[in-house]
Amino acid sequence: MEQKIKQDEICIGKNIRRIRKEKKIGQTELAALLQLEDVAMTREALVKIERGIQHIRASQLKAIKNVLGTTYEELLEEEESSKK
């Protein structure tokens, strides 16, 4: 069974949304690009991940990293308010 990554102090969803918007990619477009990478992702699931409602799978995170052309460091960055 594939590992799910909890979004507690790390705000993966917020980081995905921010990077996606910086690159001017819509949620539907990102979901379609992920499906081209053989990663099952609906727009609805992406919305839940971005809101921190749904855990993200390791394979989804890897595909998002590749599609958005970013790094794990940027995706896993903590929010400024939660840094101690």
PDB file of N, CA and C in Angstrom:
ATOM      1  N   MET A   1       0.836  -1.190   0.000  1.00  0.00           N
ATOM      2  CA  MET A   1       0.000   0.000   0.000  1.00  0.00           C
ATOM      3  C   MET A   1       0.878   1.251   0.000  1.00  0.00           C
ATOM      4  N   GLU A   2       0.507   2.188  -0.820  1.00  0.00           N
ATOM      5  CA  GLU A   2       1.336   3.376  -0.967  1.00  0.00           C
ATOM      6  C   GLU A   2       1.181   4.321   0.214  1.00  0.00           C
ATOM      7  N   GLN A   3       2.281   4.927   0.570  1.00  0.00           N
ATOM      8  CA  GLN A   3       2.284   5.846   1.705  1.00  0.00           C
ATOM      9  C   GLN A   3       1.543   7.141   1.379  1.00  0.00           C
ATOM     10  N   LYS A   4       0.752   7.582   2.351  1.00  0.00           N
ATOM     11  CA  LYS A   4       0.090   8.876   2.239  1.00  0.00           C
ATOM     12  C   LYS A   4       0.849   9.853   3.119  1.00  0.00           C
ATOM     13  N   ILE A   5       0.975  11.064   2.656  1.00  0.00           N
ATOM     14  CA  ILE A   5       1.730  12.072   3.379  1.00  0.00           C
ATOM     15  C   ILE A   5       0.743  12.984   4.097  1.00  0.00           C
ATOM     16  N   LYS A   6       0.866  13.069   5.411  1.00  0.00           N
ATOM     17  CA  LYS A   6      -0.032  13.920   6.188  1.00  0.00           C
ATOM     18  C   LYS A   6       0.351  15.386   5.984  1.00  0.00           C
ATOM     19  N   GLN A   7      -0.664  16.228   5.971  1.00  0.00           N
ATOM     20  CA  GLN A   7      -0.426  17.662   5.830  1.00  0.00           C
ATOM     21  C   GLN A   7      -0.723  18.327   7.166  1.00  0.00           C
ATOM     22  N   ASP A   8       0.211  18.286   8.078  1.00  0.00           N
ATOM     23  CA  ASP A   8      -0.017  18.928   9.363  1.00  0.00           C
ATOM     24  C   ASP A   8       0.641  20.306   9.336  1.00  0.00           C
ATOM     25  N   GLU A   9       1.870  20.372   9.844  1.00  0.00           N
ATOM     26  CA  GLU A   9       2.578  21.662   9.839  1.00  0.00           C
ATOM     27  C   GLU A   9       3.045  22.008   8.436  1.00  0.00           C
ATOM     28  N   ILE A  10       3.262  20.976   7.642  1.00  0.00           N
ATOM     29  CA  ILE A  10       3.678  21.206   6.256  1.00  0.00           C
ATOM     30  C   ILE A  10       2.414  21.434   5.438  1.00  0.00           C
ATOM     31  N   CYS A  11       2.372  22.507   4.734  1.00  0.00           N
ATOM     32  CA  CYS A  11       1.161  22.867   3.981  1.00  0.00           C
ATOM     33  C   CYS A  11       1.369  22.559   2.506  1.00  0.00           C
ATOM     34  N   ILE A  12       1.448  21.265   2.200  1.00  0.00           N
ATOM     35  CA  ILE A  12       1.712  20.846   0.829  1.00  0.00           C
ATOM     36  C   ILE A  12       0.670  21.422  -0.120  1.00  0.00           C
ATOM     37  N   GLY A  13      -0.591  21.321   0.278  1.00  0.00           N
ATOM     38  CA  GLY A  13      -1.681  21.807  -0.574  1.00  0.00           C
ATOM     39  C   GLY A  13      -1.554  23.276  -0.919  1.00  0.00           C
ATOM     40  N   LYS A  14      -1.238  24.091   0.098  1.00  0.00           N
ATOM     41  CA  LYS A  14      -1.074  25.530  -0.139  1.00  0.00           C
ATOM     42  C   LYS A  14       0.103  25.788  -1.069  1.00  0.00           C
ATOM     43  N   ASN A  15       1.170  25.023  -0.887  1.00  0.00           N
ATOM     44  CA  ASN A  15       2.343  25.177  -1.748  1.00  0.00           C
ATOM     45  C   ASN A  15       2.015  24.780  -3.186  1.00  0.00           C
ATOM     46  N   ILE A  16       1.268  23.686  -3.358  1.00  0.00           N
ATOM     47  CA  ILE A  16       0.873  23.250  -4.704  1.00  0.00           C
ATOM     48  C   ILE A  16       0.045  24.347  -5.364  1.00  0.00           C
ATOM     49  N   ARG A  17      -0.931  24.884  -4.634  1.00  0.00           N
ATOM     50  CA  ARG A  17      -1.793  25.933  -5.182  1.00  0.00           C
ATOM     51  C   ARG A  17      -0.966  27.162  -5.589  1.00  0.00           C
ATOM     52  N   ARG A  18      -0.048  27.581  -4.703  1.00  0.00           N
ATOM     53  CA  ARG A  18       0.760  28.771  -4.976  1.00  0.00           C
ATOM     54  C   ARG A  18       1.624  28.574  -6.232  1.00  0.00           C
ATOM     55  N   ILE A  19       2.307  27.443  -6.313  1.00  0.00           N
ATOM     56  CA  ILE A  19       3.183  27.174  -7.456  1.00  0.00           C
ATOM     57  C   ILE A  19       2.357  27.046  -8.737  1.00  0.00           C
ATOM     58  N   ARG A  20       1.207  26.358  -8.629  1.00  0.00           N
ATOM     59  CA  ARG A  20       0.333  26.183  -9.791  1.00  0.00           C
ATOM     60  C   ARG A  20      -0.129  27.536 -10.315  1.00  0.00           C
ATOM     61  N   LYS A  21      -0.526  28.426  -9.409  1.00  0.00           N
ATOM     62  CA  LYS A  21      -0.993  29.751  -9.825  1.00  0.00           C
ATOM     63  C   LYS A  21       0.144  30.587 -10.412  1.00  0.00           C
ATOM     64  N   GLU A  22       1.337  30.463  -9.829  1.00  0.00           N
ATOM     65  CA  GLU A  22       2.510  31.186 -10.361  1.00  0.00           C
ATOM     66  C   GLU A  22       2.767  30.784 -11.806  1.00  0.00           C
ATOM     67  N   LYS A  23       2.517  29.514 -12.107  1.00  0.00           N
ATOM     68  CA  LYS A  23       2.758  29.010 -13.465  1.00  0.00           C
ATOM     69  C   LYS A  23       1.523  29.137 -14.349  1.00  0.00           C
ATOM     70  N   LYS A  24       0.469  29.751 -13.790  1.00  0.00           N
ATOM     71  CA  LYS A  24      -0.776  29.996 -14.530  1.00  0.00           C
ATOM     72  C   LYS A  24      -1.379  28.707 -15.106  1.00  0.00           C
ATOM     73  N   ILE A  25      -1.411  27.681 -14.238  1.00  0.00           N
ATOM     74  CA  ILE A  25      -2.014  26.400 -14.618  1.00  0.00           C
ATOM     75  C   ILE A  25      -3.288  26.232 -13.797  1.00  0.00           C
ATOM     76  N   GLY A  26      -4.392  25.951 -14.457  1.00  0.00           N
ATOM     77  CA  GLY A  26      -5.664  25.734 -13.765  1.00  0.00           C
ATOM     78  C   GLY A  26      -5.715  24.357 -13.127  1.00  0.00           C
ATOM     79  N   GLN A  27      -6.661  24.181 -12.198  1.00  0.00           N
ATOM     80  CA  GLN A  27      -6.792  22.885 -11.524  1.00  0.00           C
ATOM     81  C   GLN A  27      -7.143  21.781 -12.509  1.00  0.00           C
ATOM     82  N   THR A  28      -8.055  22.064 -13.432  1.00  0.00           N
ATOM     83  CA  THR A  28      -8.455  21.057 -14.423  1.00  0.00           C
ATOM     84  C   THR A  28      -7.270  20.672 -15.294  1.00  0.00           C
ATOM     85  N   GLU A  29      -6.486  21.682 -15.684  1.00  0.00           N
ATOM     86  CA  GLU A  29      -5.308  21.438 -16.530  1.00  0.00           C
ATOM     87  C   GLU A  29      -4.272  20.603 -15.781  1.00  0.00           C
ATOM     88  N   LEU A  30      -4.027  20.938 -14.515  1.00  0.00           N
ATOM     89  CA  LEU A  30      -3.051  20.172 -13.731  1.00  0.00           C
ATOM     90  C   LEU A  30      -3.511  18.726 -13.572  1.00  0.00           C
ATOM     91  N   ALA A  31      -4.791  18.523 -13.286  1.00  0.00           N
ATOM     92  CA  ALA A  31      -5.325  17.157 -13.149  1.00  0.00           C
ATOM     93  C   ALA A  31      -5.127  16.379 -14.454  1.00  0.00           C
ATOM     94  N   ALA A  32      -5.376  17.035 -15.589  1.00  0.00           N
ATOM     95  CA  ALA A  32      -5.201  16.379 -16.897  1.00  0.00           C
ATOM     96  C   ALA A  32      -3.733  16.045 -17.139  1.00  0.00           C
ATOM     97  N   LEU A  33      -2.830  16.967 -16.791  1.00  0.00           N
ATOM     98  CA  LEU A  33      -1.397  16.724 -16.960  1.00  0.00           C
ATOM     99  C   LEU A  33      -0.933  15.563 -16.090  1.00  0.00           C
ATOM    100  N   LEU A  34      -1.492  15.462 -14.893  1.00  0.00           N
ATOM    101  CA  LEU A  34      -1.134  14.352 -14.002  1.00  0.00           C
ATOM    102  C   LEU A  34      -1.630  13.028 -14.571  1.00  0.00           C
ATOM    103  N   GLN A  35      -2.803  13.044 -15.180  1.00  0.00           N
ATOM    104  CA  GLN A  35      -3.327  11.811 -15.789  1.00  0.00           C
ATOM    105  C   GLN A  35      -2.435  11.370 -16.951  1.00  0.00           C
ATOM    106  N   LEU A  36      -1.843  12.336 -17.656  1.00  0.00           N
ATOM    107  CA  LEU A  36      -0.908  11.994 -18.736  1.00  0.00           C
ATOM    108  C   LEU A  36       0.360  11.343 -18.174  1.00  0.00           C
ATOM    109  N   GLU A  37       0.648  11.612 -16.899  1.00  0.00           N
ATOM    110  CA  GLU A  37       1.805  11.000 -16.215  1.00  0.00           C
ATOM    111  C   GLU A  37       1.410   9.661 -15.585  1.00  0.00           C
ATOM    112  N   ASP A  38       0.207   9.166 -15.924  1.00  0.00           N
ATOM    113  CA  ASP A  38      -0.323   7.917 -15.366  1.00  0.00           C
ATOM    114  C   ASP A  38      -0.578   7.988 -13.868  1.00  0.00           C
ATOM    115  N   VAL A  39      -0.960   9.186 -13.396  1.00  0.00           N
ATOM    116  CA  VAL A  39      -1.322   9.355 -11.992  1.00  0.00           C
ATOM    117  C   VAL A  39      -2.802   9.694 -11.956  1.00  0.00           C
ATOM    118  N   ALA A  40      -3.578   8.829 -11.305  1.00  0.00           N
ATOM    119  CA  ALA A  40      -5.023   9.053 -11.215  1.00  0.00           C
ATOM    120  C   ALA A  40      -5.285  10.262 -10.324  1.00  0.00           C
ATOM    121  N   MET A  41      -5.839  11.314 -10.923  1.00  0.00           N
ATOM    122  CA  MET A  41      -6.130  12.522 -10.154  1.00  0.00           C
ATOM    123  C   MET A  41      -7.299  13.239 -10.820  1.00  0.00           C
ATOM    124  N   THR A  42      -8.335  13.466 -10.044  1.00  0.00           N
ATOM    125  CA  THR A  42      -9.454  14.256 -10.559  1.00  0.00           C
ATOM    126  C   THR A  42      -9.281  15.683 -10.063  1.00  0.00           C
ATOM    127  N   ARG A  43     -10.002  16.599 -10.697  1.00  0.00           N
ATOM    128  CA  ARG A  43      -9.953  17.990 -10.247  1.00  0.00           C
ATOM    129  C   ARG A  43     -10.454  18.073  -8.803  1.00  0.00           C
ATOM    130  N   GLU A  44     -11.493  17.279  -8.496  1.00  0.00           N
ATOM    131  CA  GLU A  44     -12.066  17.275  -7.147  1.00  0.00           C
ATOM    132  C   GLU A  44     -11.027  16.836  -6.107  1.00  0.00           C
ATOM    133  N   ALA A  45     -10.257  15.806  -6.433  1.00  0.00           N
ATOM    134  CA  ALA A  45      -9.211  15.336  -5.513  1.00  0.00           C
ATOM    135  C   ALA A  45      -8.138  16.411  -5.342  1.00  0.00           C
ATOM    136  N   LEU A  46      -7.780  17.080  -6.434  1.00  0.00           N
ATOM    137  CA  LEU A  46      -6.782  18.146  -6.372  1.00  0.00           C
ATOM    138  C   LEU A  46      -7.262  19.282  -5.465  1.00  0.00           C
ATOM    139  N   VAL A  47      -8.533  19.648  -5.599  1.00  0.00           N
ATOM    140  CA  VAL A  47      -9.109  20.701  -4.752  1.00  0.00           C
ATOM    141  C   VAL A  47      -8.969  20.311  -3.281  1.00  0.00           C
ATOM    142  N   LYS A  48      -9.281  19.046  -2.956  1.00  0.00           N
ATOM    143  CA  LYS A  48      -9.202  18.579  -1.572  1.00  0.00           C
ATOM    144  C   LYS A  48      -7.758  18.582  -1.067  1.00  0.00           C
ATOM    145  N   ILE A  49      -6.829  18.192  -1.922  1.00  0.00           N
ATOM    146  CA  ILE A  49      -5.413  18.200  -1.539  1.00  0.00           C
ATOM    147  C   ILE A  49      -4.960  19.638  -1.294  1.00  0.00           C
ATOM    148  N   GLU A  50      -5.327  20.551  -2.192  1.00  0.00           N
ATOM    149  CA  GLU A  50      -4.923  21.954  -2.037  1.00  0.00           C
ATOM    150  C   GLU A  50      -5.501  22.561  -0.759  1.00  0.00           C
ATOM    151  N   ARG A  51      -6.675  22.112  -0.357  1.00  0.00           N
ATOM    152  CA  ARG A  51      -7.302  22.638   0.867  1.00  0.00           C
ATOM    153  C   ARG A  51      -6.804  21.920   2.122  1.00  0.00           C
ATOM    154  N   GLY A  52      -6.021  20.869   1.930  1.00  0.00           N
ATOM    155  CA  GLY A  52      -5.505  20.130   3.080  1.00  0.00           C
ATOM    156  C   GLY A  52      -6.511  19.163   3.668  1.00  0.00           C
ATOM    157  N   ILE A  53      -7.578  18.869   2.928  1.00  0.00           N
ATOM    158  CA  ILE A  53      -8.634  17.962   3.403  1.00  0.00           C
ATOM    159  C   ILE A  53      -8.237  16.512   3.136  1.00  0.00           C
ATOM    160  N   GLN A  54      -7.553  16.287   2.031  1.00  0.00           N
ATOM    161  CA  GLN A  54      -7.198  14.927   1.598  1.00  0.00           C
ATOM    162  C   GLN A  54      -5.686  14.774   1.626  1.00  0.00           C
ATOM    163  N   HIS A  55      -5.228  13.623   2.130  1.00  0.00           N
ATOM    164  CA  HIS A  55      -3.790  13.335   2.121  1.00  0.00           C
ATOM    165  C   HIS A  55      -3.342  13.110   0.686  1.00  0.00           C
ATOM    166  N   ILE A  56      -2.095  13.418   0.430  1.00  0.00           N
ATOM    167  CA  ILE A  56      -1.530  13.224  -0.907  1.00  0.00           C
ATOM    168  C   ILE A  56      -0.659  11.978  -0.898  1.00  0.00           C
ATOM    169  N   ARG A  57      -0.735  11.207  -1.952  1.00  0.00           N
ATOM    170  CA  ARG A  57       0.103  10.005  -2.070  1.00  0.00           C
ATOM    171  C   ARG A  57       1.476  10.400  -2.594  1.00  0.00           C
ATOM    172  N   ALA A  58       2.473   9.595  -2.248  1.00  0.00           N
ATOM    173  CA  ALA A  58       3.845   9.876  -2.658  1.00  0.00           C
ATOM    174  C   ALA A  58       3.951   9.974  -4.189  1.00  0.00           C
ATOM    175  N   SER A  59       3.252   9.081  -4.905  1.00  0.00           N
ATOM    176  CA  SER A  59       3.324   9.104  -6.377  1.00  0.00           C
ATOM    177  C   SER A  59       2.684  10.370  -6.934  1.00  0.00           C
ATOM    178  N   GLN A  60       1.620  10.864  -6.263  1.00  0.00           N
ATOM    179  CA  GLN A  60       0.975  12.097  -6.708  1.00  0.00           C
ATOM    180  C   GLN A  60       1.911  13.278  -6.492  1.00  0.00           C
ATOM    181  N   LEU A  61       2.580  13.304  -5.345  1.00  0.00           N
ATOM    182  CA  LEU A  61       3.506  14.393  -5.043  1.00  0.00           C
ATOM    183  C   LEU A  61       4.639  14.425  -6.060  1.00  0.00           C
ATOM    184  N   LYS A  62       5.174  13.246  -6.388  1.00  0.00           N
ATOM    185  CA  LYS A  62       6.265  13.162  -7.359  1.00  0.00           C
ATOM    186  C   LYS A  62       5.805  13.676  -8.724  1.00  0.00           C
ATOM    187  N   ALA A  63       4.612  13.272  -9.155  1.00  0.00           N
ATOM    188  CA  ALA A  63       4.088  13.699 -10.450  1.00  0.00           C
ATOM    189  C   ALA A  63       3.824  15.204 -10.466  1.00  0.00           C
ATOM    190  N   ILE A  64       3.279  15.739  -9.379  1.00  0.00           N
ATOM    191  CA  ILE A  64       3.031  17.182  -9.292  1.00  0.00           C
ATOM    192  C   ILE A  64       4.352  17.938  -9.370  1.00  0.00           C
ATOM    193  N   LYS A  65       5.361  17.434  -8.680  1.00  0.00           N
ATOM    194  CA  LYS A  65       6.698  18.045  -8.722  1.00  0.00           C
ATOM    195  C   LYS A  65       7.205  18.099 -10.159  1.00  0.00           C
ATOM    196  N   ASN A  66       7.062  16.995 -10.878  1.00  0.00           N
ATOM    197  CA  ASN A  66       7.539  16.930 -12.268  1.00  0.00           C
ATOM    198  C   ASN A  66       6.737  17.846 -13.187  1.00  0.00           C
ATOM    199  N   VAL A  67       5.412  17.802 -13.074  1.00  0.00           N
ATOM    200  CA  VAL A  67       4.535  18.585 -13.951  1.00  0.00           C
ATOM    201  C   VAL A  67       4.732  20.084 -13.716  1.00  0.00           C
ATOM    202  N   LEU A  68       4.859  20.478 -12.441  1.00  0.00           N
ATOM    203  CA  LEU A  68       5.023  21.898 -12.125  1.00  0.00           C
ATOM    204  C   LEU A  68       6.478  22.356 -12.263  1.00  0.00           C
ATOM    205  N   GLY A  69       7.376  21.405 -12.494  1.00  0.00           N
ATOM    206  CA  GLY A  69       8.789  21.751 -12.671  1.00  0.00           C
ATOM    207  C   GLY A  69       9.363  22.410 -11.428  1.00  0.00           C
ATOM    208  N   THR A  70       9.053  21.834 -10.270  1.00  0.00           N
ATOM    209  CA  THR A  70       9.502  22.405  -9.003  1.00  0.00           C
ATOM    210  C   THR A  70      10.310  21.370  -8.227  1.00  0.00           C
ATOM    211  N   THR A  71      10.594  21.648  -6.967  1.00  0.00           N
ATOM    212  CA  THR A  71      11.386  20.741  -6.132  1.00  0.00           C
ATOM    213  C   THR A  71      10.551  20.257  -4.956  1.00  0.00           C
ATOM    214  N   TYR A  72      11.004  19.152  -4.352  1.00  0.00           N
ATOM    215  CA  TYR A  72      10.338  18.674  -3.135  1.00  0.00           C
ATOM    216  C   TYR A  72      10.460  19.727  -2.032  1.00  0.00           C
ATOM    217  N   GLU A  73      11.616  20.398  -1.986  1.00  0.00           N
ATOM    218  CA  GLU A  73      11.833  21.411  -0.951  1.00  0.00           C
ATOM    219  C   GLU A  73      10.757  22.485  -1.012  1.00  0.00           C
ATOM    220  N   GLU A  74      10.453  22.938  -2.232  1.00  0.00           N
ATOM    221  CA  GLU A  74       9.449  23.986  -2.388  1.00  0.00           C
ATOM    222  C   GLU A  74       8.055  23.464  -2.035  1.00  0.00           C
ATOM    223  N   LEU A  75       7.762  22.224  -2.410  1.00  0.00           N
ATOM    224  CA  LEU A  75       6.451  21.643  -2.118  1.00  0.00           C
ATOM    225  C   LEU A  75       6.258  21.358  -0.632  1.00  0.00           C
ATOM    226  N   LEU A  76       7.344  21.028   0.059  1.00  0.00           N
ATOM    227  CA  LEU A  76       7.250  20.637   1.467  1.00  0.00           C
ATOM    228  C   LEU A  76       7.574  21.775   2.427  1.00  0.00           C
ATOM    229  N   GLU A  77       7.758  22.967   1.895  1.00  0.00           N
ATOM    230  CA  GLU A  77       8.091  24.126   2.694  1.00  0.00           C
ATOM    231  C   GLU A  77       7.020  24.391   3.754  1.00  0.00           C
ATOM    232  N   GLU A  78       7.462  24.720   4.953  1.00  0.00           N
ATOM    233  CA  GLU A  78       6.512  25.053   6.008  1.00  0.00           C
ATOM    234  C   GLU A  78       6.046  26.490   5.820  1.00  0.00           C
ATOM    235  N   GLU A  79       4.863  26.755   6.340  1.00  0.00           N
ATOM    236  CA  GLU A  79       4.363  28.127   6.332  1.00  0.00           C
ATOM    237  C   GLU A  79       5.195  28.957   7.285  1.00  0.00           C
ATOM    238  N   GLU A  80       5.356  30.220   6.962  1.00  0.00           N
ATOM    239  CA  GLU A  80       6.155  31.116   7.815  1.00  0.00           C
ATOM    240  C   GLU A  80       5.653  31.114   9.253  1.00  0.00           C
ATOM    241  N   SER A  81       4.330  31.095   9.442  1.00  0.00           N
ATOM    242  CA  SER A  81       3.754  31.175  10.793  1.00  0.00           C
ATOM    243  C   SER A  81       4.033  29.930  11.630  1.00  0.00           C
ATOM    244  N   SER A  82       4.274  28.788  10.972  1.00  0.00           N
ATOM    245  CA  SER A  82       4.506  27.560  11.733  1.00  0.00           C
ATOM    246  C   SER A  82       5.989  27.304  11.972  1.00  0.00           C
ATOM    247  N   LYS A  83       6.851  28.107  11.339  1.00  0.00           N
ATOM    248  CA  LYS A  83       8.298  27.965  11.598  1.00  0.00           C
ATOM    249  C   LYS A  83       8.592  28.527  12.978  1.00  0.00           C
ATOM    250  N   LYS A  84       9.410  27.779  13.710  1.00  0.00           N
ATOM    251  CA  LYS A  84       9.711  28.227  15.083  1.00  0.00           C
ATOM    252  C   LYS A  84      11.118  28.765  15.168  1.00  0.00           C
TER     253      LYS A  84
END
